[in-house]
């Protein structure tokens, strides 16, 4: 709903943090990231192992894979608004969403906001 409502021109995301360790599921104990998560994120930049638990679920991976235009760890846009979602762990596990304008230079080198 949010994506339809905002009508964004471009969706960007950082590399996807997967977490690490193991998770118990219907098939027993499996390593993190879960096989479905890895399959969904094929050819998408990921990071793993920073914490011993799952930080990206298959559902979250599918939302990213279906909607993100560019994956980058560089923020090259002007932030207008910020939204947060979090889960309590030993370290911050925060989903942070920015709504902003991408900075681009025109032919004369002037920064143009889109």
PDB file of N, CA and C in Angstrom:
ATOM      1  N   UNK A   1       0.810  -1.188   0.000  1.00  0.00           N
ATOM      2  CA  UNK A   1       0.000   0.000   0.000  1.00  0.00           C
ATOM      3  C   UNK A   1       0.856   1.255   0.000  1.00  0.00           C
ATOM      4  N   UNK A   2       1.872   1.238   0.839  1.00  0.00           N
ATOM      5  CA  UNK A   2       2.738   2.404   0.970  1.00  0.00           C
ATOM      6  C   UNK A   2       3.407   2.732  -0.361  1.00  0.00           C
ATOM      7  N   UNK A   3       3.923   1.725  -1.046  1.00  0.00           N
ATOM      8  CA  UNK A   3       4.614   1.965  -2.316  1.00  0.00           C
ATOM      9  C   UNK A   3       3.658   2.542  -3.356  1.00  0.00           C
ATOM     10  N   UNK A   4       2.441   2.029  -3.408  1.00  0.00           N
ATOM     11  CA  UNK A   4       1.445   2.562  -4.338  1.00  0.00           C
ATOM     12  C   UNK A   4       1.060   3.994  -3.973  1.00  0.00           C
ATOM     13  N   UNK A   5       0.909   4.263  -2.693  1.00  0.00           N
ATOM     14  CA  UNK A   5       0.504   5.583  -2.232  1.00  0.00           C
ATOM     15  C   UNK A   5       1.560   6.646  -2.534  1.00  0.00           C
ATOM     16  N   UNK A   6       2.838   6.315  -2.287  1.00  0.00           N
ATOM     17  CA  UNK A   6       3.905   7.304  -2.447  1.00  0.00           C
ATOM     18  C   UNK A   6       4.292   7.562  -3.900  1.00  0.00           C
ATOM     19  N   UNK A   7       4.025   6.617  -4.791  1.00  0.00           N
ATOM     20  CA  UNK A   7       4.324   6.804  -6.219  1.00  0.00           C
ATOM     21  C   UNK A   7       5.759   7.298  -6.441  1.00  0.00           C
ATOM     22  N   UNK A   8       6.740   6.563  -5.896  1.00  0.00           N
ATOM     23  CA  UNK A   8       8.139   6.959  -6.009  1.00  0.00           C
ATOM     24  C   UNK A   8       8.685   6.658  -7.402  1.00  0.00           C
ATOM     25  N   UNK A   9       9.639   7.480  -7.841  1.00  0.00           N
ATOM     26  CA  UNK A   9      10.290   7.266  -9.128  1.00  0.00           C
ATOM     27  C   UNK A   9      11.350   6.180  -9.045  1.00  0.00           C
ATOM     28  N   UNK A  10      11.979   6.040  -7.867  1.00  0.00           N
ATOM     29  CA  UNK A  10      13.089   5.107  -7.719  1.00  0.00           C
ATOM     30  C   UNK A  10      13.152   4.623  -6.276  1.00  0.00           C
ATOM     31  N   UNK A  11      13.424   3.341  -6.090  1.00  0.00           N
ATOM     32  CA  UNK A  11      13.603   2.780  -4.750  1.00  0.00           C
ATOM     33  C   UNK A  11      15.028   2.264  -4.659  1.00  0.00           C
ATOM     34  N   UNK A  12      15.758   2.743  -3.637  1.00  0.00           N
ATOM     35  CA  UNK A  12      17.136   2.323  -3.410  1.00  0.00           C
ATOM     36  C   UNK A  12      17.221   1.655  -2.048  1.00  0.00           C
ATOM     37  N   UNK A  13      18.159   0.692  -1.911  1.00  0.00           N
ATOM     38  CA  UNK A  13      18.376   0.019  -0.628  1.00  0.00           C
ATOM     39  C   UNK A  13      19.859  -0.270  -0.469  1.00  0.00           C
ATOM     40  N   UNK A  14      20.288  -0.357   0.779  1.00  0.00           N
ATOM     41  CA  UNK A  14      21.665  -0.748   1.056  1.00  0.00           C
ATOM     42  C   UNK A  14      21.799  -2.255   0.865  1.00  0.00           C
ATOM     43  N   UNK A  15      23.037  -2.748   0.959  1.00  0.00           N
ATOM     44  CA  UNK A  15      23.250  -4.191   0.958  1.00  0.00           C
ATOM     45  C   UNK A  15      22.393  -4.795   2.065  1.00  0.00           C
ATOM     46  N   UNK A  16      21.898  -5.987   1.852  1.00  0.00           N
ATOM     47  CA  UNK A  16      20.947  -6.601   2.782  1.00  0.00           C
ATOM     48  C   UNK A  16      21.706  -7.379   3.858  1.00  0.00           C
ATOM     49  N   UNK A  17      21.497  -7.018   5.123  1.00  0.00           N
ATOM     50  CA  UNK A  17      22.116  -7.708   6.251  1.00  0.00           C
ATOM     51  C   UNK A  17      21.308  -8.967   6.570  1.00  0.00           C
ATOM     52  N   UNK A  18      21.953 -10.126   6.520  1.00  0.00           N
ATOM     53  CA  UNK A  18      21.255 -11.394   6.703  1.00  0.00           C
ATOM     54  C   UNK A  18      21.296 -11.938   8.121  1.00  0.00           C
ATOM     55  N   UNK A  19      22.285 -11.544   8.904  1.00  0.00           N
ATOM     56  CA  UNK A  19      22.466 -12.128  10.221  1.00  0.00           C
ATOM     57  C   UNK A  19      23.265 -13.413  10.103  1.00  0.00           C
ATOM     58  N   UNK A  20      23.162 -14.274  11.104  1.00  0.00           N
ATOM     59  CA  UNK A  20      23.899 -15.531  11.107  1.00  0.00           C
ATOM     60  C   UNK A  20      23.351 -16.460  12.167  1.00  0.00           C
ATOM     61  N   UNK A  21      24.008 -17.577  12.347  1.00  0.00           N
ATOM     62  CA  UNK A  21      23.577 -18.546  13.346  1.00  0.00           C
ATOM     63  C   UNK A  21      22.638 -19.579  12.756  1.00  0.00           C
ATOM     64  N   UNK A  22      21.661 -20.014  13.556  1.00  0.00           N
ATOM     65  CA  UNK A  22      20.735 -21.069  13.155  1.00  0.00           C
ATOM     66  C   UNK A  22      19.315 -20.711  13.575  1.00  0.00           C
ATOM     67  N   UNK A  23      18.334 -21.296  12.885  1.00  0.00           N
ATOM     68  CA  UNK A  23      16.930 -21.092  13.208  1.00  0.00           C
ATOM     69  C   UNK A  23      16.216 -22.439  13.142  1.00  0.00           C
ATOM     70  N   UNK A  24      15.252 -22.636  14.049  1.00  0.00           N
ATOM     71  CA  UNK A  24      14.464 -23.867  14.067  1.00  0.00           C
ATOM     72  C   UNK A  24      13.234 -23.656  13.198  1.00  0.00           C
ATOM     73  N   UNK A  25      12.998 -24.582  12.274  1.00  0.00           N
ATOM     74  CA  UNK A  25      11.829 -24.498  11.403  1.00  0.00           C
ATOM     75  C   UNK A  25      11.195 -25.876  11.277  1.00  0.00           C
ATOM     76  N   UNK A  26      10.194 -26.004  10.436  1.00  0.00           N
ATOM     77  CA  UNK A  26       9.482 -27.278  10.261  1.00  0.00           C
ATOM     78  C   UNK A  26      10.409 -28.401   9.806  1.00  0.00           C
ATOM     79  N   UNK A  27      11.507 -28.065   9.138  1.00  0.00           N
ATOM     80  CA  UNK A  27      12.450 -29.067   8.627  1.00  0.00           C
ATOM     81  C   UNK A  27      13.586 -29.333   9.592  1.00  0.00           C
ATOM     82  N   UNK A  28      13.556 -28.748  10.779  1.00  0.00           N
ATOM     83  CA  UNK A  28      14.632 -28.899  11.746  1.00  0.00           C
ATOM     84  C   UNK A  28      15.417 -27.622  11.899  1.00  0.00           C
ATOM     85  N   UNK A  29      16.635 -27.745  12.376  1.00  0.00           N
ATOM     86  CA  UNK A  29      17.494 -26.581  12.561  1.00  0.00           C
ATOM     87  C   UNK A  29      18.272 -26.356  11.264  1.00  0.00           C
ATOM     88  N   UNK A  30      18.187 -25.125  10.753  1.00  0.00           N
ATOM     89  CA  UNK A  30      18.875 -24.782   9.512  1.00  0.00           C
ATOM     90  C   UNK A  30      19.730 -23.532   9.735  1.00  0.00           C
ATOM     91  N   UNK A  31      20.781 -23.365   8.938  1.00  0.00           N
ATOM     92  CA  UNK A  31      21.614 -22.170   9.092  1.00  0.00           C
ATOM     93  C   UNK A  31      20.913 -20.926   8.555  1.00  0.00           C
ATOM     94  N   UNK A  32      21.287 -19.810   9.135  1.00  0.00           N
ATOM     95  CA  UNK A  32      20.812 -18.511   8.667  1.00  0.00           C
ATOM     96  C   UNK A  32      21.879 -17.949   7.744  1.00  0.00           C
ATOM     97  N   UNK A  33      21.499 -17.430   6.616  1.00  0.00           N
ATOM     98  CA  UNK A  33      20.148 -17.172   6.133  1.00  0.00           C
ATOM     99  C   UNK A  33      19.457 -18.450   5.668  1.00  0.00           C
ATOM    100  N   UNK A  34      18.147 -18.441   5.793  1.00  0.00           N
ATOM    101  CA  UNK A  34      17.342 -19.584   5.357  1.00  0.00           C
ATOM    102  C   UNK A  34      17.498 -19.766   3.842  1.00  0.00           C
ATOM    103  N   UNK A  35      17.408 -20.988   3.351  1.00  0.00           N
ATOM    104  CA  UNK A  35      17.558 -21.233   1.913  1.00  0.00           C
ATOM    105  C   UNK A  35      16.646 -20.364   1.047  1.00  0.00           C
ATOM    106  N   UNK A  36      15.412 -20.143   1.473  1.00  0.00           N
ATOM    107  CA  UNK A  36      14.496 -19.316   0.684  1.00  0.00           C
ATOM    108  C   UNK A  36      15.002 -17.878   0.591  1.00  0.00           C
ATOM    109  N   UNK A  37      15.535 -17.360   1.684  1.00  0.00           N
ATOM    110  CA  UNK A  37      16.053 -15.994   1.691  1.00  0.00           C
ATOM    111  C   UNK A  37      17.210 -15.843   0.711  1.00  0.00           C
ATOM    112  N   UNK A  38      18.130 -16.800   0.727  1.00  0.00           N
ATOM    113  CA  UNK A  38      19.279 -16.759  -0.184  1.00  0.00           C
ATOM    114  C   UNK A  38      18.828 -16.837  -1.634  1.00  0.00           C
ATOM    115  N   UNK A  39      17.874 -17.701  -1.913  1.00  0.00           N
ATOM    116  CA  UNK A  39      17.388 -17.856  -3.293  1.00  0.00           C
ATOM    117  C   UNK A  39      16.729 -16.571  -3.788  1.00  0.00           C
ATOM    118  N   UNK A  40      15.920 -15.954  -2.950  1.00  0.00           N
ATOM    119  CA  UNK A  40      15.234 -14.718  -3.324  1.00  0.00           C
ATOM    120  C   UNK A  40      16.231 -13.588  -3.572  1.00  0.00           C
ATOM    121  N   UNK A  41      17.313 -13.560  -2.802  1.00  0.00           N
ATOM    122  CA  UNK A  41      18.294 -12.479  -2.905  1.00  0.00           C
ATOM    123  C   UNK A  41      19.438 -12.791  -3.870  1.00  0.00           C
ATOM    124  N   UNK A  42      19.251 -13.766  -4.730  1.00  0.00           N
ATOM    125  CA  UNK A  42      20.280 -14.091  -5.723  1.00  0.00           C
ATOM    126  C   UNK A  42      20.611 -12.833  -6.536  1.00  0.00           C
ATOM    127  N   UNK A  43      21.902 -12.550  -6.712  1.00  0.00           N
ATOM    128  CA  UNK A  43      22.415 -11.386  -7.461  1.00  0.00           C
ATOM    129  C   UNK A  43      22.139 -10.036  -6.789  1.00  0.00           C
ATOM    130  N   UNK A  44      21.795 -10.043  -5.508  1.00  0.00           N
ATOM    131  CA  UNK A  44      21.595  -8.821  -4.729  1.00  0.00           C
ATOM    132  C   UNK A  44      22.704  -8.763  -3.686  1.00  0.00           C
ATOM    133  N   UNK A  45      23.354  -7.605  -3.477  1.00  0.00           N
ATOM    134  CA  UNK A  45      24.443  -7.543  -2.498  1.00  0.00           C
ATOM    135  C   UNK A  45      23.948  -7.777  -1.074  1.00  0.00           C
ATOM    136  N   UNK A  46      24.644  -8.664  -0.367  1.00  0.00           N
ATOM    137  CA  UNK A  46      24.274  -9.026   1.000  1.00  0.00           C
ATOM    138  C   UNK A  46      25.491  -8.954   1.914  1.00  0.00           C
ATOM    139  N   UNK A  47      25.208  -8.887   3.210  1.00  0.00           N
ATOM    140  CA  UNK A  47      26.222  -8.974   4.264  1.00  0.00           C
ATOM    141  C   UNK A  47      25.702  -9.984   5.272  1.00  0.00           C
ATOM    142  N   UNK A  48      26.622 -10.724   5.911  1.00  0.00           N
ATOM    143  CA  UNK A  48      26.150 -11.723   6.871  1.00  0.00           C
ATOM    144  C   UNK A  48      27.034 -11.775   8.098  1.00  0.00           C
ATOM    145  N   UNK A  49      26.487 -12.406   9.137  1.00  0.00           N
ATOM    146  CA  UNK A  49      27.267 -12.748  10.310  1.00  0.00           C
ATOM    147  C   UNK A  49      27.452 -11.710  11.382  1.00  0.00           C
ATOM    148  N   UNK A  50      26.883 -10.521  11.260  1.00  0.00           N
ATOM    149  CA  UNK A  50      27.123  -9.494  12.275  1.00  0.00           C
ATOM    150  C   UNK A  50      26.455  -9.847  13.611  1.00  0.00           C
ATOM    151  N   UNK A  51      25.350 -10.570  13.563  1.00  0.00           N
ATOM    152  CA  UNK A  51      24.646 -11.011  14.771  1.00  0.00           C
ATOM    153  C   UNK A  51      24.230 -12.468  14.600  1.00  0.00           C
ATOM    154  N   UNK A  52      24.037 -13.207  15.697  1.00  0.00           N
ATOM    155  CA  UNK A  52      23.703 -14.631  15.599  1.00  0.00           C
ATOM    156  C   UNK A  52      22.196 -14.916  15.503  1.00  0.00           C
ATOM    157  N   UNK A  53      21.500 -14.174  14.681  1.00  0.00           N
ATOM    158  CA  UNK A  53      20.074 -14.412  14.479  1.00  0.00           C
ATOM    159  C   UNK A  53      19.673 -13.883  13.114  1.00  0.00           C
ATOM    160  N   UNK A  54      18.480 -14.229  12.687  1.00  0.00           N
ATOM    161  CA  UNK A  54      17.975 -13.832  11.374  1.00  0.00           C
ATOM    162  C   UNK A  54      17.573 -12.366  11.367  1.00  0.00           C
ATOM    163  N   UNK A  55      18.139 -11.596  10.438  1.00  0.00           N
ATOM    164  CA  UNK A  55      17.772 -10.188  10.330  1.00  0.00           C
ATOM    165  C   UNK A  55      16.979  -9.890   9.064  1.00  0.00           C
ATOM    166  N   UNK A  56      16.965 -10.832   8.120  1.00  0.00           N
ATOM    167  CA  UNK A  56      16.140 -10.690   6.918  1.00  0.00           C
ATOM    168  C   UNK A  56      15.371 -11.975   6.700  1.00  0.00           C
ATOM    169  N   UNK A  57      14.055 -11.879   6.697  1.00  0.00           N
ATOM    170  CA  UNK A  57      13.196 -13.039   6.463  1.00  0.00           C
ATOM    171  C   UNK A  57      12.954 -13.219   4.968  1.00  0.00           C
ATOM    172  N   UNK A  58      12.456 -14.366   4.551  1.00  0.00           N
ATOM    173  CA  UNK A  58      12.098 -14.530   3.145  1.00  0.00           C
ATOM    174  C   UNK A  58      11.083 -13.478   2.679  1.00  0.00           C
ATOM    175  N   UNK A  59      10.156 -13.105   3.518  1.00  0.00           N
ATOM    176  CA  UNK A  59       9.169 -12.083   3.147  1.00  0.00           C
ATOM    177  C   UNK A  59       9.844 -10.744   2.916  1.00  0.00           C
ATOM    178  N   UNK A  60      10.725 -10.332   3.826  1.00  0.00           N
ATOM    179  CA  UNK A  60      11.456  -9.080   3.661  1.00  0.00           C
ATOM    180  C   UNK A  60      12.330  -9.108   2.419  1.00  0.00           C
ATOM    181  N   UNK A  61      12.979 -10.244   2.170  1.00  0.00           N
ATOM    182  CA  UNK A  61      13.822 -10.394   0.979  1.00  0.00           C
ATOM    183  C   UNK A  61      12.983 -10.254  -0.289  1.00  0.00           C
ATOM    184  N   UNK A  62      11.793 -10.844  -0.296  1.00  0.00           N
ATOM    185  CA  UNK A  62      10.920 -10.773  -1.475  1.00  0.00           C
ATOM    186  C   UNK A  62      10.453  -9.344  -1.734  1.00  0.00           C
ATOM    187  N   UNK A  63      10.146  -8.602  -0.684  1.00  0.00           N
ATOM    188  CA  UNK A  63       9.733  -7.199  -0.846  1.00  0.00           C
ATOM    189  C   UNK A  63      10.872  -6.396  -1.464  1.00  0.00           C
ATOM    190  N   UNK A  64      12.081  -6.598  -0.973  1.00  0.00           N
ATOM    191  CA  UNK A  64      13.239  -5.884  -1.527  1.00  0.00           C
ATOM    192  C   UNK A  64      13.495  -6.287  -2.976  1.00  0.00           C
ATOM    193  N   UNK A  65      13.541  -7.583  -3.235  1.00  0.00           N
ATOM    194  CA  UNK A  65      13.850  -8.070  -4.581  1.00  0.00           C
ATOM    195  C   UNK A  65      12.831  -7.592  -5.615  1.00  0.00           C
ATOM    196  N   UNK A  66      11.578  -7.487  -5.220  1.00  0.00           N
ATOM    197  CA  UNK A  66      10.521  -7.101  -6.160  1.00  0.00           C
ATOM    198  C   UNK A  66      10.436  -5.597  -6.392  1.00  0.00           C
ATOM    199  N   UNK A  67      10.969  -4.800  -5.472  1.00  0.00           N
ATOM    200  CA  UNK A  67      10.721  -3.359  -5.545  1.00  0.00           C
ATOM    201  C   UNK A  67      11.939  -2.465  -5.680  1.00  0.00           C
ATOM    202  N   UNK A  68      13.106  -2.910  -5.267  1.00  0.00           N
ATOM    203  CA  UNK A  68      14.284  -2.037  -5.262  1.00  0.00           C
ATOM    204  C   UNK A  68      14.875  -1.932  -6.661  1.00  0.00           C
ATOM    205  N   UNK A  69      15.117  -0.687  -7.083  1.00  0.00           N
ATOM    206  CA  UNK A  69      15.730  -0.419  -8.385  1.00  0.00           C
ATOM    207  C   UNK A  69      17.248  -0.483  -8.318  1.00  0.00           C
ATOM    208  N   UNK A  70      17.829   0.016  -7.217  1.00  0.00           N
ATOM    209  CA  UNK A  70      19.272   0.097  -7.062  1.00  0.00           C
ATOM    210  C   UNK A  70      19.671  -0.293  -5.649  1.00  0.00           C
ATOM    211  N   UNK A  71      20.652  -1.182  -5.531  1.00  0.00           N
ATOM    212  CA  UNK A  71      21.237  -1.519  -4.233  1.00  0.00           C
ATOM    213  C   UNK A  71      22.586  -0.821  -4.155  1.00  0.00           C
ATOM    214  N   UNK A  72      22.779  -0.001  -3.121  1.00  0.00           N
ATOM    215  CA  UNK A  72      24.026   0.734  -2.949  1.00  0.00           C
ATOM    216  C   UNK A  72      24.212   1.057  -1.477  1.00  0.00           C
ATOM    217  N   UNK A  73      25.462   1.104  -1.031  1.00  0.00           N
ATOM    218  CA  UNK A  73      25.744   1.520   0.337  1.00  0.00           C
ATOM    219  C   UNK A  73      26.094   3.004   0.394  1.00  0.00           C
ATOM    220  N   UNK A  74      25.947   3.697  -0.727  1.00  0.00           N
ATOM    221  CA  UNK A  74      26.209   5.126  -0.812  1.00  0.00           C
ATOM    222  C   UNK A  74      24.884   5.890  -0.822  1.00  0.00           C
ATOM    223  N   UNK A  75      24.780   6.870   0.057  1.00  0.00           N
ATOM    224  CA  UNK A  75      23.576   7.708   0.081  1.00  0.00           C
ATOM    225  C   UNK A  75      23.859   8.978  -0.701  1.00  0.00           C
ATOM    226  N   UNK A  76      23.307   9.063  -1.889  1.00  0.00           N
ATOM    227  CA  UNK A  76      23.512  10.246  -2.720  1.00  0.00           C
ATOM    228  C   UNK A  76      22.153  10.870  -3.025  1.00  0.00           C
ATOM    229  N   UNK A  77      21.486  11.305  -1.957  1.00  0.00           N
ATOM    230  CA  UNK A  77      20.193  11.962  -2.106  1.00  0.00           C
ATOM    231  C   UNK A  77      19.939  12.856  -0.906  1.00  0.00           C
ATOM    232  N   UNK A  78      19.039  13.780  -1.076  1.00  0.00           N
ATOM    233  CA  UNK A  78      18.666  14.695   0.003  1.00  0.00           C
ATOM    234  C   UNK A  78      17.478  14.095   0.753  1.00  0.00           C
ATOM    235  N   UNK A  79      17.628  13.894   2.060  1.00  0.00           N
ATOM    236  CA  UNK A  79      16.580  13.285   2.881  1.00  0.00           C
ATOM    237  C   UNK A  79      15.519  14.322   3.225  1.00  0.00           C
ATOM    238  N   UNK A  80      14.258  13.985   2.922  1.00  0.00           N
ATOM    239  CA  UNK A  80      13.145  14.856   3.283  1.00  0.00           C
ATOM    240  C   UNK A  80      12.417  14.348   4.527  1.00  0.00           C
ATOM    241  N   UNK A  81      12.176  13.027   4.588  1.00  0.00           N
ATOM    242  CA  UNK A  81      11.447  12.432   5.710  1.00  0.00           C
ATOM    243  C   UNK A  81      12.095  11.104   6.068  1.00  0.00           C
ATOM    244  N   UNK A  82      11.914  10.667   7.343  1.00  0.00           N
ATOM    245  CA  UNK A  82      12.514   9.433   7.833  1.00  0.00           C
ATOM    246  C   UNK A  82      11.458   8.646   8.601  1.00  0.00           C
ATOM    247  N   UNK A  83      11.447   7.332   8.398  1.00  0.00           N
ATOM    248  CA  UNK A  83      10.571   6.443   9.152  1.00  0.00           C
ATOM    249  C   UNK A  83      11.391   5.306   9.739  1.00  0.00           C
ATOM    250  N   UNK A  84      10.988   4.783  10.911  1.00  0.00           N
ATOM    251  CA  UNK A  84      11.730   3.724  11.582  1.00  0.00           C
ATOM    252  C   UNK A  84      10.809   2.580  11.979  1.00  0.00           C
ATOM    253  N   UNK A  85      11.374   1.388  11.964  1.00  0.00           N
ATOM    254  CA  UNK A  85      10.751   0.210  12.553  1.00  0.00           C
ATOM    255  C   UNK A  85      11.872  -0.528  13.245  1.00  0.00           C
ATOM    256  N   UNK A  86      11.620  -1.184  14.373  1.00  0.00           N
ATOM    257  CA  UNK A  86      12.720  -1.861  15.047  1.00  0.00           C
ATOM    258  C   UNK A  86      12.262  -3.121  15.761  1.00  0.00           C
ATOM    259  N   UNK A  87      13.237  -3.891  16.169  1.00  0.00           N
ATOM    260  CA  UNK A  87      13.035  -5.123  16.913  1.00  0.00           C
ATOM    261  C   UNK A  87      14.091  -5.114  18.011  1.00  0.00           C
ATOM    262  N   UNK A  88      13.735  -5.457  19.246  1.00  0.00           N
ATOM    263  CA  UNK A  88      14.668  -5.372  20.370  1.00  0.00           C
ATOM    264  C   UNK A  88      15.627  -6.557  20.405  1.00  0.00           C
ATOM    265  N   UNK A  89      16.909  -6.271  20.254  1.00  0.00           N
ATOM    266  CA  UNK A  89      17.989  -7.245  20.371  1.00  0.00           C
ATOM    267  C   UNK A  89      19.145  -6.572  21.089  1.00  0.00           C
ATOM    268  N   UNK A  90      20.280  -7.293  21.192  1.00  0.00           N
ATOM    269  CA  UNK A  90      21.457  -6.731  21.850  1.00  0.00           C
ATOM    270  C   UNK A  90      21.990  -5.516  21.102  1.00  0.00           C
ATOM    271  N   UNK A  91      21.833  -5.509  19.796  1.00  0.00           N
ATOM    272  CA  UNK A  91      22.273  -4.380  18.984  1.00  0.00           C
ATOM    273  C   UNK A  91      21.055  -3.847  18.232  1.00  0.00           C
ATOM    274  N   UNK A  92      21.090  -2.629  17.752  1.00  0.00           N
ATOM    275  CA  UNK A  92      19.944  -2.113  16.997  1.00  0.00           C
ATOM    276  C   UNK A  92      19.660  -2.954  15.758  1.00  0.00           C
ATOM    277  N   UNK A  93      18.429  -3.369  15.588  1.00  0.00           N
ATOM    278  CA  UNK A  93      17.985  -4.055  14.373  1.00  0.00           C
ATOM    279  C   UNK A  93      16.865  -3.179  13.833  1.00  0.00           C
ATOM    280  N   UNK A  94      17.260  -2.178  13.063  1.00  0.00           N
ATOM    281  CA  UNK A  94      16.346  -1.111  12.672  1.00  0.00           C
ATOM    282  C   UNK A  94      16.145  -1.085  11.170  1.00  0.00           C
ATOM    283  N   UNK A  95      14.902  -0.985  10.773  1.00  0.00           N
ATOM    284  CA  UNK A  95      14.571  -0.685   9.386  1.00  0.00           C
ATOM    285  C   UNK A  95      14.374   0.814   9.334  1.00  0.00           C
ATOM    286  N   UNK A  96      15.195   1.473   8.542  1.00  0.00           N
ATOM    287  CA  UNK A  96      15.083   2.926   8.419  1.00  0.00           C
ATOM    288  C   UNK A  96      14.736   3.229   6.966  1.00  0.00           C
ATOM    289  N   UNK A  97      13.703   4.015   6.763  1.00  0.00           N
ATOM    290  CA  UNK A  97      13.253   4.366   5.423  1.00  0.00           C
ATOM    291  C   UNK A  97      13.360   5.867   5.252  1.00  0.00           C
ATOM    292  N   UNK A  98      13.995   6.278   4.159  1.00  0.00           N
ATOM    293  CA  UNK A  98      14.111   7.692   3.833  1.00  0.00           C
ATOM    294  C   UNK A  98      13.235   7.997   2.632  1.00  0.00           C
ATOM    295  N   UNK A  99      12.595   9.123   2.654  1.00  0.00           N
ATOM    296  CA  UNK A  99      11.919   9.661   1.483  1.00  0.00           C
ATOM    297  C   UNK A  99      12.705  10.899   1.115  1.00  0.00           C
ATOM    298  N   UNK A 100      13.208  10.946  -0.106  1.00  0.00           N
ATOM    299  CA  UNK A 100      14.053  12.067  -0.456  1.00  0.00           C
ATOM    300  C   UNK A 100      14.149  12.290  -1.943  1.00  0.00           C
ATOM    301  N   UNK A 101      15.046  13.167  -2.315  1.00  0.00           N
ATOM    302  CA  UNK A 101      15.285  13.524  -3.711  1.00  0.00           C
ATOM    303  C   UNK A 101      16.713  13.185  -4.061  1.00  0.00           C
ATOM    304  N   UNK A 102      16.891  12.536  -5.195  1.00  0.00           N
ATOM    305  CA  UNK A 102      18.230  12.173  -5.651  1.00  0.00           C
ATOM    306  C   UNK A 102      18.954  13.410  -6.159  1.00  0.00           C
ATOM    307  N   UNK A 103      20.210  13.521  -5.802  1.00  0.00           N
ATOM    308  CA  UNK A 103      21.040  14.635  -6.270  1.00  0.00           C
ATOM    309  C   UNK A 103      21.693  14.249  -7.591  1.00  0.00           C
ATOM    310  N   UNK A 104      21.488  15.046  -8.608  1.00  0.00           N
ATOM    311  CA  UNK A 104      22.122  14.831  -9.908  1.00  0.00           C
ATOM    312  C   UNK A 104      22.646  16.156 -10.411  1.00  0.00           C
ATOM    313  N   UNK A 105      23.700  16.097 -11.187  1.00  0.00           N
ATOM    314  CA  UNK A 105      24.255  17.316 -11.785  1.00  0.00           C
ATOM    315  C   UNK A 105      23.766  17.457 -13.211  1.00  0.00           C
ATOM    316  N   UNK A 106      23.420  18.683 -13.590  1.00  0.00           N
ATOM    317  CA  UNK A 106      23.075  18.932 -14.989  1.00  0.00           C
ATOM    318  C   UNK A 106      24.365  19.155 -15.774  1.00  0.00           C
ATOM    319  N   UNK A 107      24.286  19.504 -17.025  1.00  0.00           N
ATOM    320  CA  UNK A 107      25.455  19.649 -17.890  1.00  0.00           C
ATOM    321  C   UNK A 107      26.405  20.748 -17.421  1.00  0.00           C
ATOM    322  N   UNK A 108      25.905  21.739 -16.662  1.00  0.00           N
ATOM    323  CA  UNK A 108      26.744  22.820 -16.172  1.00  0.00           C
ATOM    324  C   UNK A 108      27.315  22.503 -14.785  1.00  0.00           C
ATOM    325  N   UNK A 109      27.019  21.326 -14.221  1.00  0.00           N
ATOM    326  CA  UNK A 109      27.530  20.957 -12.912  1.00  0.00           C
ATOM    327  C   UNK A 109      26.659  21.412 -11.763  1.00  0.00           C
ATOM    328  N   UNK A 110      25.499  21.979 -12.032  1.00  0.00           N
ATOM    329  CA  UNK A 110      24.587  22.428 -10.986  1.00  0.00           C
ATOM    330  C   UNK A 110      23.847  21.213 -10.416  1.00  0.00           C
ATOM    331  N   UNK A 111      23.728  21.153  -9.102  1.00  0.00           N
ATOM    332  CA  UNK A 111      22.998  20.048  -8.464  1.00  0.00           C
ATOM    333  C   UNK A 111      21.501  20.261  -8.697  1.00  0.00           C
ATOM    334  N   UNK A 112      20.858  19.227  -9.194  1.00  0.00           N
ATOM    335  CA  UNK A 112      19.421  19.279  -9.479  1.00  0.00           C
ATOM    336  C   UNK A 112      18.739  18.209  -8.639  1.00  0.00           C
ATOM    337  N   UNK A 113      17.664  18.574  -7.942  1.00  0.00           N
ATOM    338  CA  UNK A 113      16.924  17.608  -7.137  1.00  0.00           C
ATOM    339  C   UNK A 113      15.741  17.096  -7.949  1.00  0.00           C
ATOM    340  N   UNK A 114      15.601  15.754  -7.995  1.00  0.00           N
ATOM    341  CA  UNK A 114      14.501  15.119  -8.720  1.00  0.00           C
ATOM    342  C   UNK A 114      13.539  14.491  -7.765  1.00  0.00           C
TER     343      UNK A 114
END
